[in-house]
Structure formats: C-alpha cells, structure tokens
Amino acid sequence: MIPSPETVPVTTDLTAFGFASITAQSATDPAQRRLQAARAAKLDAYRNLAEQLYGVRFASDSVVIDARVREDHIRSHVEGVIAGAEIVALEPLGNDTYQATVKLPAARAALLQRRSP
C-alpha cells in the first residue's frame, strides 16, 4: 500500500521543472510563441509540483485479442492548490524550448498538504 500524502509529511523544499516547445505554440508571431512557451513551461512546472505534493491518480485499461494488445489507454489526473511557490528560473533551453523551475518551501508544502481535501 502506498502512503497517502497526508501520511508522508514534507520535510524538505520541493523543486519542480517544466518544459515547453516554442514551435509547438499556436501563435504566428515568433515573439508571441516565445511568450506562450514560457507560460506553458511555468504551468508544466506547477503541475509537476502538484504531482509531488498531492500524488497522481491513474486510470488505465487494455484490450487484448488473440494474446495481442490491441488498445492501451492510460489517463492521469492531478488536482490541488499550489500557493507560495516561487519561480526561481525561466529560461530558454536550446533553440526551441523554455524551462521553468519552481520551488515550494517545505513549511508551505506541509501547510498545503494539511489543507487538501
């Protein structure tokens, strides 16, 4: 049995990283695409932080016919509140990627865990 986040207290600061491609953004203007990628990288970092703090709920199913996998579906869900995190870095990584780094102090993380539903 995996312990729930409520039973595993956070004792160290949490750090998470997020990434986003510039060319994958929908804008036609290059400057707007960079802004969109920077925003997407921050959101990805926050999601990764929420995964550390609250865990991830998974659901999956597979269809096997004649001993061969025909379909395999995996879904994940993360939900929680992230408050008090600091964006410590937001920078280009290579020519097509933005990387965001966020940090949540241990005391703040423990408080958020106690307040989670």
PDB file of N, CA and C in Angstrom:
ATOM      1  N   MET A   1       0.841  -1.181   0.000  1.00  0.00           N
ATOM      2  CA  MET A   1       0.000   0.000   0.000  1.00  0.00           C
ATOM      3  C   MET A   1       0.885   1.243   0.000  1.00  0.00           C
ATOM      4  N   ILE A   2       0.575   2.177  -0.873  1.00  0.00           N
ATOM      5  CA  ILE A   2       1.331   3.424  -0.962  1.00  0.00           C
ATOM      6  C   ILE A   2       0.735   4.425   0.013  1.00  0.00           C
ATOM      7  N   PRO A   3       1.556   5.056   0.848  1.00  0.00           N
ATOM      8  CA  PRO A   3       1.012   6.032   1.792  1.00  0.00           C
ATOM      9  C   PRO A   3       0.434   7.236   1.061  1.00  0.00           C
ATOM     10  N   SER A   4      -0.620   7.790   1.615  1.00  0.00           N
ATOM     11  CA  SER A   4      -1.202   8.999   1.040  1.00  0.00           C
ATOM     12  C   SER A   4      -0.323  10.179   1.413  1.00  0.00           C
ATOM     13  N   PRO A   5      -0.453  11.320   0.684  1.00  0.00           N
ATOM     14  CA  PRO A   5       0.374  12.484   1.006  1.00  0.00           C
ATOM     15  C   PRO A   5       0.187  12.951   2.446  1.00  0.00           C
ATOM     16  N   GLU A   6      -0.993  12.721   3.019  1.00  0.00           N
ATOM     17  CA  GLU A   6      -1.233  13.162   4.396  1.00  0.00           C
ATOM     18  C   GLU A   6      -0.367  12.405   5.396  1.00  0.00           C
ATOM     19  N   THR A   7       0.043  11.167   5.045  1.00  0.00           N
ATOM     20  CA  THR A   7       0.834  10.380   5.979  1.00  0.00           C
ATOM     21  C   THR A   7       2.332  10.545   5.769  1.00  0.00           C
ATOM     22  N   VAL A   8       2.736  11.228   4.711  1.00  0.00           N
ATOM     23  CA  VAL A   8       4.151  11.450   4.442  1.00  0.00           C
ATOM     24  C   VAL A   8       4.403  12.952   4.493  1.00  0.00           C
ATOM     25  N   PRO A   9       4.807  13.471   5.650  1.00  0.00           N
ATOM     26  CA  PRO A   9       4.993  14.911   5.765  1.00  0.00           C
ATOM     27  C   PRO A   9       6.179  15.399   4.927  1.00  0.00           C
ATOM     28  N   VAL A  10       6.027  16.578   4.350  1.00  0.00           N
ATOM     29  CA  VAL A  10       7.100  17.191   3.575  1.00  0.00           C
ATOM     30  C   VAL A  10       8.099  17.798   4.549  1.00  0.00           C
ATOM     31  N   THR A  11       9.370  17.428   4.404  1.00  0.00           N
ATOM     32  CA  THR A  11      10.402  17.939   5.316  1.00  0.00           C
ATOM     33  C   THR A  11      11.484  18.728   4.592  1.00  0.00           C
ATOM     34  N   THR A  12      11.464  18.720   3.271  1.00  0.00           N
ATOM     35  CA  THR A  12      12.437  19.494   2.501  1.00  0.00           C
ATOM     36  C   THR A  12      11.695  20.330   1.454  1.00  0.00           C
ATOM     37  N   ASP A  13      12.345  21.381   0.990  1.00  0.00           N
ATOM     38  CA  ASP A  13      11.754  22.189  -0.064  1.00  0.00           C
ATOM     39  C   ASP A  13      11.518  21.325  -1.302  1.00  0.00           C
ATOM     40  N   LEU A  14      10.421  21.595  -2.005  1.00  0.00           N
ATOM     41  CA  LEU A  14      10.124  20.871  -3.236  1.00  0.00           C
ATOM     42  C   LEU A  14      10.539  21.732  -4.430  1.00  0.00           C
ATOM     43  N   THR A  15      11.182  21.119  -5.399  1.00  0.00           N
ATOM     44  CA  THR A  15      11.578  21.798  -6.632  1.00  0.00           C
ATOM     45  C   THR A  15      11.015  21.011  -7.797  1.00  0.00           C
ATOM     46  N   ALA A  16      10.473  21.731  -8.784  1.00  0.00           N
ATOM     47  CA  ALA A  16       9.930  21.076  -9.968  1.00  0.00           C
ATOM     48  C   ALA A  16      10.340  21.849 -11.210  1.00  0.00           C
ATOM     49  N   PHE A  17      10.416  21.127 -12.316  1.00  0.00           N
ATOM     50  CA  PHE A  17      10.809  21.700 -13.593  1.00  0.00           C
ATOM     51  C   PHE A  17       9.679  21.519 -14.588  1.00  0.00           C
ATOM     52  N   GLY A  18       9.572  22.466 -15.508  1.00  0.00           N
ATOM     53  CA  GLY A  18       8.591  22.362 -16.575  1.00  0.00           C
ATOM     54  C   GLY A  18       9.234  22.754 -17.891  1.00  0.00           C
ATOM     55  N   PHE A  19       8.731  22.176 -18.973  1.00  0.00           N
ATOM     56  CA  PHE A  19       9.308  22.408 -20.297  1.00  0.00           C
ATOM     57  C   PHE A  19       8.200  22.657 -21.301  1.00  0.00           C
ATOM     58  N   ALA A  20       8.500  23.453 -22.326  1.00  0.00           N
ATOM     59  CA  ALA A  20       7.559  23.676 -23.418  1.00  0.00           C
ATOM     60  C   ALA A  20       8.312  24.049 -24.683  1.00  0.00           C
ATOM     61  N   SER A  21       7.814  23.547 -25.788  1.00  0.00           N
ATOM     62  CA  SER A  21       8.393  23.835 -27.097  1.00  0.00           C
ATOM     63  C   SER A  21       7.850  25.155 -27.640  1.00  0.00           C
ATOM     64  N   ILE A  22       8.721  25.951 -28.215  1.00  0.00           N
ATOM     65  CA  ILE A  22       8.303  27.225 -28.818  1.00  0.00           C
ATOM     66  C   ILE A  22       7.554  26.968 -30.121  1.00  0.00           C
ATOM     67  N   THR A  23       8.075  26.087 -30.971  1.00  0.00           N
ATOM     68  CA  THR A  23       7.436  25.855 -32.266  1.00  0.00           C
ATOM     69  C   THR A  23       6.092  25.143 -32.141  1.00  0.00           C
ATOM     70  N   ALA A  24       5.823  24.505 -31.032  1.00  0.00           N
ATOM     71  CA  ALA A  24       4.536  23.826 -30.849  1.00  0.00           C
ATOM     72  C   ALA A  24       3.407  24.795 -30.498  1.00  0.00           C
ATOM     73  N   GLN A  25       3.723  26.044 -30.239  1.00  0.00           N
ATOM     74  CA  GLN A  25       2.696  27.016 -29.846  1.00  0.00           C
ATOM     75  C   GLN A  25       1.892  27.455 -31.065  1.00  0.00           C
ATOM     76  N   SER A  26       0.676  27.942 -30.817  1.00  0.00           N
ATOM     77  CA  SER A  26      -0.262  28.229 -31.902  1.00  0.00           C
ATOM     78  C   SER A  26      -0.116  29.605 -32.547  1.00  0.00           C
ATOM     79  N   ALA A  27       0.546  30.533 -31.911  1.00  0.00           N
ATOM     80  CA  ALA A  27       0.652  31.894 -32.463  1.00  0.00           C
ATOM     81  C   ALA A  27       1.484  31.906 -33.738  1.00  0.00           C
ATOM     82  N   THR A  28       1.231  32.897 -34.585  1.00  0.00           N
ATOM     83  CA  THR A  28       2.029  33.037 -35.808  1.00  0.00           C
ATOM     84  C   THR A  28       3.218  33.965 -35.593  1.00  0.00           C
ATOM     85  N   ASP A  29       3.109  34.881 -34.660  1.00  0.00           N
ATOM     86  CA  ASP A  29       4.181  35.818 -34.352  1.00  0.00           C
ATOM     87  C   ASP A  29       5.237  35.126 -33.474  1.00  0.00           C
ATOM     88  N   PRO A  30       6.518  35.152 -33.875  1.00  0.00           N
ATOM     89  CA  PRO A  30       7.561  34.477 -33.090  1.00  0.00           C
ATOM     90  C   PRO A  30       7.650  34.948 -31.635  1.00  0.00           C
ATOM     91  N   ALA A  31       7.482  36.239 -31.394  1.00  0.00           N
ATOM     92  CA  ALA A  31       7.546  36.740 -30.018  1.00  0.00           C
ATOM     93  C   ALA A  31       6.397  36.188 -29.186  1.00  0.00           C
ATOM     94  N   GLN A  32       5.217  36.115 -29.776  1.00  0.00           N
ATOM     95  CA  GLN A  32       4.054  35.573 -29.067  1.00  0.00           C
ATOM     96  C   GLN A  32       4.241  34.085 -28.779  1.00  0.00           C
ATOM     97  N   ARG A  33       4.849  33.364 -29.700  1.00  0.00           N
ATOM     98  CA  ARG A  33       5.110  31.938 -29.479  1.00  0.00           C
ATOM     99  C   ARG A  33       6.073  31.731 -28.315  1.00  0.00           C
ATOM    100  N   ARG A  34       7.077  32.597 -28.204  1.00  0.00           N
ATOM    101  CA  ARG A  34       8.010  32.501 -27.071  1.00  0.00           C
ATOM    102  C   ARG A  34       7.287  32.763 -25.762  1.00  0.00           C
ATOM    103  N   LEU A  35       6.399  33.777 -25.748  1.00  0.00           N
ATOM    104  CA  LEU A  35       5.626  34.059 -24.530  1.00  0.00           C
ATOM    105  C   LEU A  35       4.716  32.892 -24.168  1.00  0.00           C
ATOM    106  N   GLN A  36       4.084  32.299 -25.171  1.00  0.00           N
ATOM    107  CA  GLN A  36       3.221  31.148 -24.916  1.00  0.00           C
ATOM    108  C   GLN A  36       4.026  29.972 -24.365  1.00  0.00           C
ATOM    109  N   ALA A  37       5.196  29.736 -24.923  1.00  0.00           N
ATOM    110  CA  ALA A  37       6.041  28.640 -24.448  1.00  0.00           C
ATOM    111  C   ALA A  37       6.512  28.885 -23.019  1.00  0.00           C
ATOM    112  N   ALA A  38       6.852  30.119 -22.696  1.00  0.00           N
ATOM    113  CA  ALA A  38       7.275  30.439 -21.328  1.00  0.00           C
ATOM    114  C   ALA A  38       6.129  30.171 -20.356  1.00  0.00           C
ATOM    115  N   ARG A  39       4.921  30.579 -20.724  1.00  0.00           N
ATOM    116  CA  ARG A  39       3.739  30.349 -19.867  1.00  0.00           C
ATOM    117  C   ARG A  39       3.467  28.855 -19.729  1.00  0.00           C
ATOM    118  N   ALA A  40       3.546  28.119 -20.826  1.00  0.00           N
ATOM    119  CA  ALA A  40       3.306  26.674 -20.783  1.00  0.00           C
ATOM    120  C   ALA A  40       4.350  25.971 -19.910  1.00  0.00           C
ATOM    121  N   ALA A  41       5.603  26.420 -19.976  1.00  0.00           N
ATOM    122  CA  ALA A  41       6.656  25.818 -19.150  1.00  0.00           C
ATOM    123  C   ALA A  41       6.371  26.045 -17.666  1.00  0.00           C
ATOM    124  N   LYS A  42       5.902  27.256 -17.316  1.00  0.00           N
ATOM    125  CA  LYS A  42       5.558  27.531 -15.913  1.00  0.00           C
ATOM    126  C   LYS A  42       4.411  26.628 -15.457  1.00  0.00           C
ATOM    127  N   LEU A  43       3.388  26.492 -16.284  1.00  0.00           N
ATOM    128  CA  LEU A  43       2.254  25.638 -15.908  1.00  0.00           C
ATOM    129  C   LEU A  43       2.673  24.178 -15.771  1.00  0.00           C
ATOM    130  N   ASP A  44       3.568  23.724 -16.641  1.00  0.00           N
ATOM    131  CA  ASP A  44       4.075  22.362 -16.543  1.00  0.00           C
ATOM    132  C   ASP A  44       4.847  22.170 -15.239  1.00  0.00           C
ATOM    133  N   ALA A  45       5.621  23.167 -14.844  1.00  0.00           N
ATOM    134  CA  ALA A  45       6.369  23.091 -13.581  1.00  0.00           C
ATOM    135  C   ALA A  45       5.415  23.042 -12.391  1.00  0.00           C
ATOM    136  N   TYR A  46       4.363  23.864 -12.419  1.00  0.00           N
ATOM    137  CA  TYR A  46       3.371  23.824 -11.334  1.00  0.00           C
ATOM    138  C   TYR A  46       2.681  22.465 -11.267  1.00  0.00           C
ATOM    139  N   ARG A  47       2.357  21.887 -12.433  1.00  0.00           N
ATOM    140  CA  ARG A  47       1.736  20.559 -12.448  1.00  0.00           C
ATOM    141  C   ARG A  47       2.677  19.528 -11.839  1.00  0.00           C
ATOM    142  N   ASN A  48       3.951  19.595 -12.205  1.00  0.00           N
ATOM    143  CA  ASN A  48       4.921  18.661 -11.632  1.00  0.00           C
ATOM    144  C   ASN A  48       5.066  18.846 -10.125  1.00  0.00           C
ATOM    145  N   LEU A  49       4.960  20.078  -9.665  1.00  0.00           N
ATOM    146  CA  LEU A  49       4.995  20.351  -8.228  1.00  0.00           C
ATOM    147  C   LEU A  49       3.764  19.749  -7.548  1.00  0.00           C
ATOM    148  N   ALA A  50       2.599  19.901  -8.163  1.00  0.00           N
ATOM    149  CA  ALA A  50       1.370  19.323  -7.612  1.00  0.00           C
ATOM    150  C   ALA A  50       1.451  17.797  -7.552  1.00  0.00           C
ATOM    151  N   GLU A  51       2.083  17.185  -8.548  1.00  0.00           N
ATOM    152  CA  GLU A  51       2.259  15.735  -8.521  1.00  0.00           C
ATOM    153  C   GLU A  51       3.093  15.312  -7.321  1.00  0.00           C
ATOM    154  N   GLN A  52       4.152  16.067  -7.024  1.00  0.00           N
ATOM    155  CA  GLN A  52       4.981  15.741  -5.864  1.00  0.00           C
ATOM    156  C   GLN A  52       4.211  15.915  -4.560  1.00  0.00           C
ATOM    157  N   LEU A  53       3.411  16.955  -4.507  1.00  0.00           N
ATOM    158  CA  LEU A  53       2.725  17.325  -3.276  1.00  0.00           C
ATOM    159  C   LEU A  53       1.502  16.460  -2.996  1.00  0.00           C
ATOM    160  N   TYR A  54       0.707  16.197  -4.038  1.00  0.00           N
ATOM    161  CA  TYR A  54      -0.577  15.519  -3.855  1.00  0.00           C
ATOM    162  C   TYR A  54      -0.643  14.125  -4.455  1.00  0.00           C
ATOM    163  N   GLY A  55       0.308  13.772  -5.293  1.00  0.00           N
ATOM    164  CA  GLY A  55       0.256  12.482  -5.961  1.00  0.00           C
ATOM    165  C   GLY A  55      -0.520  12.572  -7.263  1.00  0.00           C
ATOM    166  N   VAL A  56      -0.545  11.475  -7.996  1.00  0.00           N
ATOM    167  CA  VAL A  56      -1.213  11.402  -9.290  1.00  0.00           C
ATOM    168  C   VAL A  56      -2.207  10.257  -9.246  1.00  0.00           C
ATOM    169  N   ARG A  57      -3.411  10.514  -9.730  1.00  0.00           N
ATOM    170  CA  ARG A  57      -4.425   9.459  -9.841  1.00  0.00           C
ATOM    171  C   ARG A  57      -4.361   8.913 -11.270  1.00  0.00           C
ATOM    172  N   PHE A  58      -4.225   7.604 -11.390  1.00  0.00           N
ATOM    173  CA  PHE A  58      -4.141   6.957 -12.692  1.00  0.00           C
ATOM    174  C   PHE A  58      -5.345   6.069 -12.917  1.00  0.00           C
ATOM    175  N   ALA A  59      -5.751   5.980 -14.173  1.00  0.00           N
ATOM    176  CA  ALA A  59      -6.741   5.003 -14.607  1.00  0.00           C
ATOM    177  C   ALA A  59      -6.235   4.441 -15.919  1.00  0.00           C
ATOM    178  N   SER A  60      -6.394   3.156 -16.098  1.00  0.00           N
ATOM    179  CA  SER A  60      -5.929   2.566 -17.351  1.00  0.00           C
ATOM    180  C   SER A  60      -6.788   1.369 -17.710  1.00  0.00           C
ATOM    181  N   ASP A  61      -6.800   1.060 -18.988  1.00  0.00           N
ATOM    182  CA  ASP A  61      -7.448  -0.159 -19.444  1.00  0.00           C
ATOM    183  C   ASP A  61      -6.759  -0.614 -20.721  1.00  0.00           C
ATOM    184  N   SER A  62      -6.802  -1.906 -20.943  1.00  0.00           N
ATOM    185  CA  SER A  62      -6.185  -2.501 -22.128  1.00  0.00           C
ATOM    186  C   SER A  62      -7.152  -3.489 -22.748  1.00  0.00           C
ATOM    187  N   VAL A  63      -7.075  -3.606 -24.047  1.00  0.00           N
ATOM    188  CA  VAL A  63      -7.860  -4.599 -24.781  1.00  0.00           C
ATOM    189  C   VAL A  63      -6.875  -5.573 -25.407  1.00  0.00           C
ATOM    190  N   VAL A  64      -7.030  -6.852 -25.067  1.00  0.00           N
ATOM    191  CA  VAL A  64      -6.171  -7.893 -25.605  1.00  0.00           C
ATOM    192  C   VAL A  64      -7.042  -8.864 -26.401  1.00  0.00           C
ATOM    193  N   ILE A  65      -6.668  -9.084 -27.662  1.00  0.00           N
ATOM    194  CA  ILE A  65      -7.364 -10.030 -28.525  1.00  0.00           C
ATOM    195  C   ILE A  65      -6.315 -10.970 -29.106  1.00  0.00           C
ATOM    196  N   ASP A  66      -6.587 -12.279 -29.014  1.00  0.00           N
ATOM    197  CA  ASP A  66      -5.643 -13.285 -29.509  1.00  0.00           C
ATOM    198  C   ASP A  66      -4.259 -13.100 -28.916  1.00  0.00           C
ATOM    199  N   ALA A  67      -4.211 -12.814 -27.618  1.00  0.00           N
ATOM    200  CA  ALA A  67      -2.961 -12.653 -26.866  1.00  0.00           C
ATOM    201  C   ALA A  67      -2.108 -11.500 -27.378  1.00  0.00           C
ATOM    202  N   ARG A  68      -2.747 -10.520 -28.032  1.00  0.00           N
ATOM    203  CA  ARG A  68      -2.026  -9.331 -28.505  1.00  0.00           C
ATOM    204  C   ARG A  68      -2.757  -8.089 -28.020  1.00  0.00           C
ATOM    205  N   VAL A  69      -1.999  -7.136 -27.518  1.00  0.00           N
ATOM    206  CA  VAL A  69      -2.594  -5.891 -27.053  1.00  0.00           C
ATOM    207  C   VAL A  69      -3.080  -5.113 -28.270  1.00  0.00           C
ATOM    208  N   ARG A  70      -4.377  -4.803 -28.286  1.00  0.00           N
ATOM    209  CA  ARG A  70      -4.966  -4.043 -29.390  1.00  0.00           C
ATOM    210  C   ARG A  70      -5.127  -2.571 -29.027  1.00  0.00           C
ATOM    211  N   GLU A  71      -5.453  -2.299 -27.791  1.00  0.00           N
ATOM    212  CA  GLU A  71      -5.619  -0.925 -27.316  1.00  0.00           C
ATOM    213  C   GLU A  71      -5.073  -0.837 -25.908  1.00  0.00           C
ATOM    214  N   ASP A  72      -4.473   0.290 -25.616  1.00  0.00           N
ATOM    215  CA  ASP A  72      -3.955   0.523 -24.272  1.00  0.00           C
ATOM    216  C   ASP A  72      -4.189   1.999 -23.955  1.00  0.00           C
ATOM    217  N   HIS A  73      -5.015   2.274 -22.962  1.00  0.00           N
ATOM    218  CA  HIS A  73      -5.365   3.645 -22.599  1.00  0.00           C
ATOM    219  C   HIS A  73      -4.889   3.922 -21.181  1.00  0.00           C
ATOM    220  N   ILE A  74      -4.212   5.057 -21.009  1.00  0.00           N
ATOM    221  CA  ILE A  74      -3.763   5.481 -19.687  1.00  0.00           C
ATOM    222  C   ILE A  74      -4.189   6.929 -19.495  1.00  0.00           C
ATOM    223  N   ARG A  75      -4.837   7.197 -18.385  1.00  0.00           N
ATOM    224  CA  ARG A  75      -5.258   8.554 -18.048  1.00  0.00           C
ATOM    225  C   ARG A  75      -4.683   8.909 -16.684  1.00  0.00           C
ATOM    226  N   SER A  76      -4.301  10.173 -16.548  1.00  0.00           N
ATOM    227  CA  SER A  76      -3.815  10.629 -15.242  1.00  0.00           C
ATOM    228  C   SER A  76      -4.547  11.900 -14.865  1.00  0.00           C
ATOM    229  N   HIS A  77      -4.610  12.143 -13.561  1.00  0.00           N
ATOM    230  CA  HIS A  77      -5.319  13.308 -13.046  1.00  0.00           C
ATOM    231  C   HIS A  77      -4.570  13.816 -11.823  1.00  0.00           C
ATOM    232  N   VAL A  78      -4.318  15.111 -11.813  1.00  0.00           N
ATOM    233  CA  VAL A  78      -3.678  15.759 -10.672  1.00  0.00           C
ATOM    234  C   VAL A  78      -4.549  16.939 -10.290  1.00  0.00           C
ATOM    235  N   GLU A  79      -4.783  17.095  -9.003  1.00  0.00           N
ATOM    236  CA  GLU A  79      -5.592  18.216  -8.547  1.00  0.00           C
ATOM    237  C   GLU A  79      -5.054  18.700  -7.216  1.00  0.00           C
ATOM    238  N   GLY A  80      -5.000  19.998  -7.051  1.00  0.00           N
ATOM    239  CA  GLY A  80      -4.536  20.553  -5.795  1.00  0.00           C
ATOM    240  C   GLY A  80      -4.321  22.046  -5.915  1.00  0.00           C
ATOM    241  N   VAL A  81      -3.968  22.644  -4.811  1.00  0.00           N
ATOM    242  CA  VAL A  81      -3.703  24.078  -4.758  1.00  0.00           C
ATOM    243  C   VAL A  81      -2.210  24.269  -4.542  1.00  0.00           C
ATOM    244  N   ILE A  82      -1.623  25.117  -5.381  1.00  0.00           N
ATOM    245  CA  ILE A  82      -0.219  25.483  -5.199  1.00  0.00           C
ATOM    246  C   ILE A  82      -0.203  26.975  -4.889  1.00  0.00           C
ATOM    247  N   ALA A  83       0.182  27.316  -3.690  1.00  0.00           N
ATOM    248  CA  ALA A  83       0.261  28.716  -3.273  1.00  0.00           C
ATOM    249  C   ALA A  83       1.568  28.907  -2.519  1.00  0.00           C
ATOM    250  N   GLY A  84       2.261  29.972  -2.819  1.00  0.00           N
ATOM    251  CA  GLY A  84       3.517  30.260  -2.132  1.00  0.00           C
ATOM    252  C   GLY A  84       4.737  29.721  -2.827  1.00  0.00           C
ATOM    253  N   ALA A  85       4.557  29.188  -4.049  1.00  0.00           N
ATOM    254  CA  ALA A  85       5.715  28.707  -4.804  1.00  0.00           C
ATOM    255  C   ALA A  85       6.405  29.888  -5.470  1.00  0.00           C
ATOM    256  N   GLU A  86       7.703  29.768  -5.629  1.00  0.00           N
ATOM    257  CA  GLU A  86       8.497  30.823  -6.259  1.00  0.00           C
ATOM    258  C   GLU A  86       9.067  30.307  -7.570  1.00  0.00           C
ATOM    259  N   ILE A  87       8.939  31.095  -8.616  1.00  0.00           N
ATOM    260  CA  ILE A  87       9.576  30.766  -9.886  1.00  0.00           C
ATOM    261  C   ILE A  87      11.030  31.201  -9.759  1.00  0.00           C
ATOM    262  N   VAL A  88      11.934  30.235  -9.689  1.00  0.00           N
ATOM    263  CA  VAL A  88      13.341  30.569  -9.475  1.00  0.00           C
ATOM    264  C   VAL A  88      14.102  30.714 -10.782  1.00  0.00           C
ATOM    265  N   ALA A  89      13.557  30.180 -11.883  1.00  0.00           N
ATOM    266  CA  ALA A  89      14.200  30.336 -13.186  1.00  0.00           C
ATOM    267  C   ALA A  89      13.170  30.134 -14.284  1.00  0.00           C
ATOM    268  N   LEU A  90      13.305  30.936 -15.330  1.00  0.00           N
ATOM    269  CA  LEU A  90      12.508  30.790 -16.547  1.00  0.00           C
ATOM    270  C   LEU A  90      13.435  31.190 -17.682  1.00  0.00           C
ATOM    271  N   GLU A  91      13.903  30.183 -18.431  1.00  0.00           N
ATOM    272  CA  GLU A  91      14.944  30.475 -19.404  1.00  0.00           C
ATOM    273  C   GLU A  91      14.833  29.589 -20.640  1.00  0.00           C
ATOM    274  N   PRO A  92      15.338  30.104 -21.777  1.00  0.00           N
ATOM    275  CA  PRO A  92      15.383  29.268 -22.971  1.00  0.00           C
ATOM    276  C   PRO A  92      16.369  28.123 -22.765  1.00  0.00           C
ATOM    277  N   LEU A  93      16.024  27.003 -23.322  1.00  0.00           N
ATOM    278  CA  LEU A  93      16.885  25.819 -23.249  1.00  0.00           C
ATOM    279  C   LEU A  93      17.086  25.365 -24.687  1.00  0.00           C
ATOM    280  N   GLY A  94      18.231  25.647 -25.260  1.00  0.00           N
ATOM    281  CA  GLY A  94      18.442  25.374 -26.674  1.00  0.00           C
ATOM    282  C   GLY A  94      17.704  26.406 -27.513  1.00  0.00           C
ATOM    283  N   ASN A  95      17.358  26.029 -28.740  1.00  0.00           N
ATOM    284  CA  ASN A  95      16.709  26.955 -29.659  1.00  0.00           C
ATOM    285  C   ASN A  95      15.191  26.877 -29.636  1.00  0.00           C
ATOM    286  N   ASP A  96      14.609  25.807 -29.083  1.00  0.00           N
ATOM    287  CA  ASP A  96      13.170  25.620 -29.232  1.00  0.00           C
ATOM    288  C   ASP A  96      12.437  25.302 -27.929  1.00  0.00           C
ATOM    289  N   THR A  97      13.062  25.448 -26.795  1.00  0.00           N
ATOM    290  CA  THR A  97      12.436  25.024 -25.551  1.00  0.00           C
ATOM    291  C   THR A  97      12.610  26.076 -24.467  1.00  0.00           C
ATOM    292  N   TYR A  98      11.576  26.216 -23.644  1.00  0.00           N
ATOM    293  CA  TYR A  98      11.688  27.004 -22.424  1.00  0.00           C
ATOM    294  C   TYR A  98      11.674  26.047 -21.245  1.00  0.00           C
ATOM    295  N   GLN A  99      12.447  26.373 -20.224  1.00  0.00           N
ATOM    296  CA  GLN A  99      12.472  25.597 -18.985  1.00  0.00           C
ATOM    297  C   GLN A  99      12.125  26.524 -17.840  1.00  0.00           C
ATOM    298  N   ALA A 100      11.188  26.074 -17.014  1.00  0.00           N
ATOM    299  CA  ALA A 100      10.815  26.810 -15.804  1.00  0.00           C
ATOM    300  C   ALA A 100      11.181  25.957 -14.596  1.00  0.00           C
ATOM    301  N   THR A 101      11.655  26.612 -13.557  1.00  0.00           N
ATOM    302  CA  THR A 101      11.963  25.943 -12.296  1.00  0.00           C
ATOM    303  C   THR A 101      11.188  26.648 -11.198  1.00  0.00           C
ATOM    304  N   VAL A 102      10.412  25.881 -10.433  1.00  0.00           N
ATOM    305  CA  VAL A 102       9.661  26.451  -9.318  1.00  0.00           C
ATOM    306  C   VAL A 102      10.063  25.731  -8.032  1.00  0.00           C
ATOM    307  N   LYS A 103       9.986  26.477  -6.935  1.00  0.00           N
ATOM    308  CA  LYS A 103      10.385  25.936  -5.636  1.00  0.00           C
ATOM    309  C   LYS A 103       9.298  26.272  -4.627  1.00  0.00           C
ATOM    310  N   LEU A 104       8.976  25.297  -3.789  1.00  0.00           N
ATOM    311  CA  LEU A 104       7.984  25.473  -2.730  1.00  0.00           C
ATOM    312  C   LEU A 104       8.649  25.130  -1.400  1.00  0.00           C
ATOM    313  N   PRO A 105       8.734  26.102  -0.482  1.00  0.00           N
ATOM    314  CA  PRO A 105       9.362  25.822   0.815  1.00  0.00           C
ATOM    315  C   PRO A 105       8.641  24.691   1.553  1.00  0.00           C
ATOM    316  N   ALA A 106       9.402  23.890   2.290  1.00  0.00           N
ATOM    317  CA  ALA A 106       8.858  22.728   2.994  1.00  0.00           C
ATOM    318  C   ALA A 106       7.712  23.113   3.929  1.00  0.00           C
ATOM    319  N   ALA A 107       7.847  24.209   4.649  1.00  0.00           N
ATOM    320  CA  ALA A 107       6.793  24.607   5.592  1.00  0.00           C
ATOM    321  C   ALA A 107       5.495  24.922   4.855  1.00  0.00           C
ATOM    322  N   ARG A 108       5.604  25.577   3.721  1.00  0.00           N
ATOM    323  CA  ARG A 108       4.420  25.907   2.920  1.00  0.00           C
ATOM    324  C   ARG A 108       3.802  24.641   2.335  1.00  0.00           C
ATOM    325  N   ALA A 109       4.649  23.719   1.876  1.00  0.00           N
ATOM    326  CA  ALA A 109       4.167  22.455   1.316  1.00  0.00           C
ATOM    327  C   ALA A 109       3.408  21.650   2.378  1.00  0.00           C
ATOM    328  N   ALA A 110       3.947  21.596   3.583  1.00  0.00           N
ATOM    329  CA  ALA A 110       3.275  20.864   4.665  1.00  0.00           C
ATOM    330  C   ALA A 110       1.924  21.488   4.980  1.00  0.00           C
ATOM    331  N   LEU A 111       1.853  22.809   4.976  1.00  0.00           N
ATOM    332  CA  LEU A 111       0.590  23.500   5.226  1.00  0.00           C
ATOM    333  C   LEU A 111      -0.428  23.184   4.134  1.00  0.00           C
ATOM    334  N   LEU A 112      -0.014  23.211   2.884  1.00  0.00           N
ATOM    335  CA  LEU A 112      -0.917  22.894   1.771  1.00  0.00           C
ATOM    336  C   LEU A 112      -1.408  21.446   1.856  1.00  0.00           C
ATOM    337  N   GLN A 113      -0.537  20.528   2.234  1.00  0.00           N
ATOM    338  CA  GLN A 113      -0.948  19.136   2.380  1.00  0.00           C
ATOM    339  C   GLN A 113      -2.016  18.983   3.447  1.00  0.00           C
ATOM    340  N   ARG A 114      -1.856  19.670   4.567  1.00  0.00           N
ATOM    341  CA  ARG A 114      -2.839  19.558   5.655  1.00  0.00           C
ATOM    342  C   ARG A 114      -4.198  20.109   5.249  1.00  0.00           C
ATOM    343  N   ARG A 115      -4.205  21.111   4.360  1.00  0.00           N
ATOM    344  CA  ARG A 115      -5.456  21.719   3.931  1.00  0.00           C
ATOM    345  C   ARG A 115      -6.125  21.005   2.762  1.00  0.00           C
ATOM    346  N   SER A 116      -5.436  20.041   2.154  1.00  0.00           N
ATOM    347  CA  SER A 116      -6.005  19.382   0.981  1.00  0.00           C
ATOM    348  C   SER A 116      -7.200  18.523   1.385  1.00  0.00           C
ATOM    349  N   PRO A 117      -8.188  18.406   0.458  1.00  0.00           N
ATOM    350  CA  PRO A 117      -9.386  17.610   0.777  1.00  0.00           C
ATOM    351  C   PRO A 117      -9.107  16.145   0.888  1.00  0.00           C
TER     352      PRO A 117
END
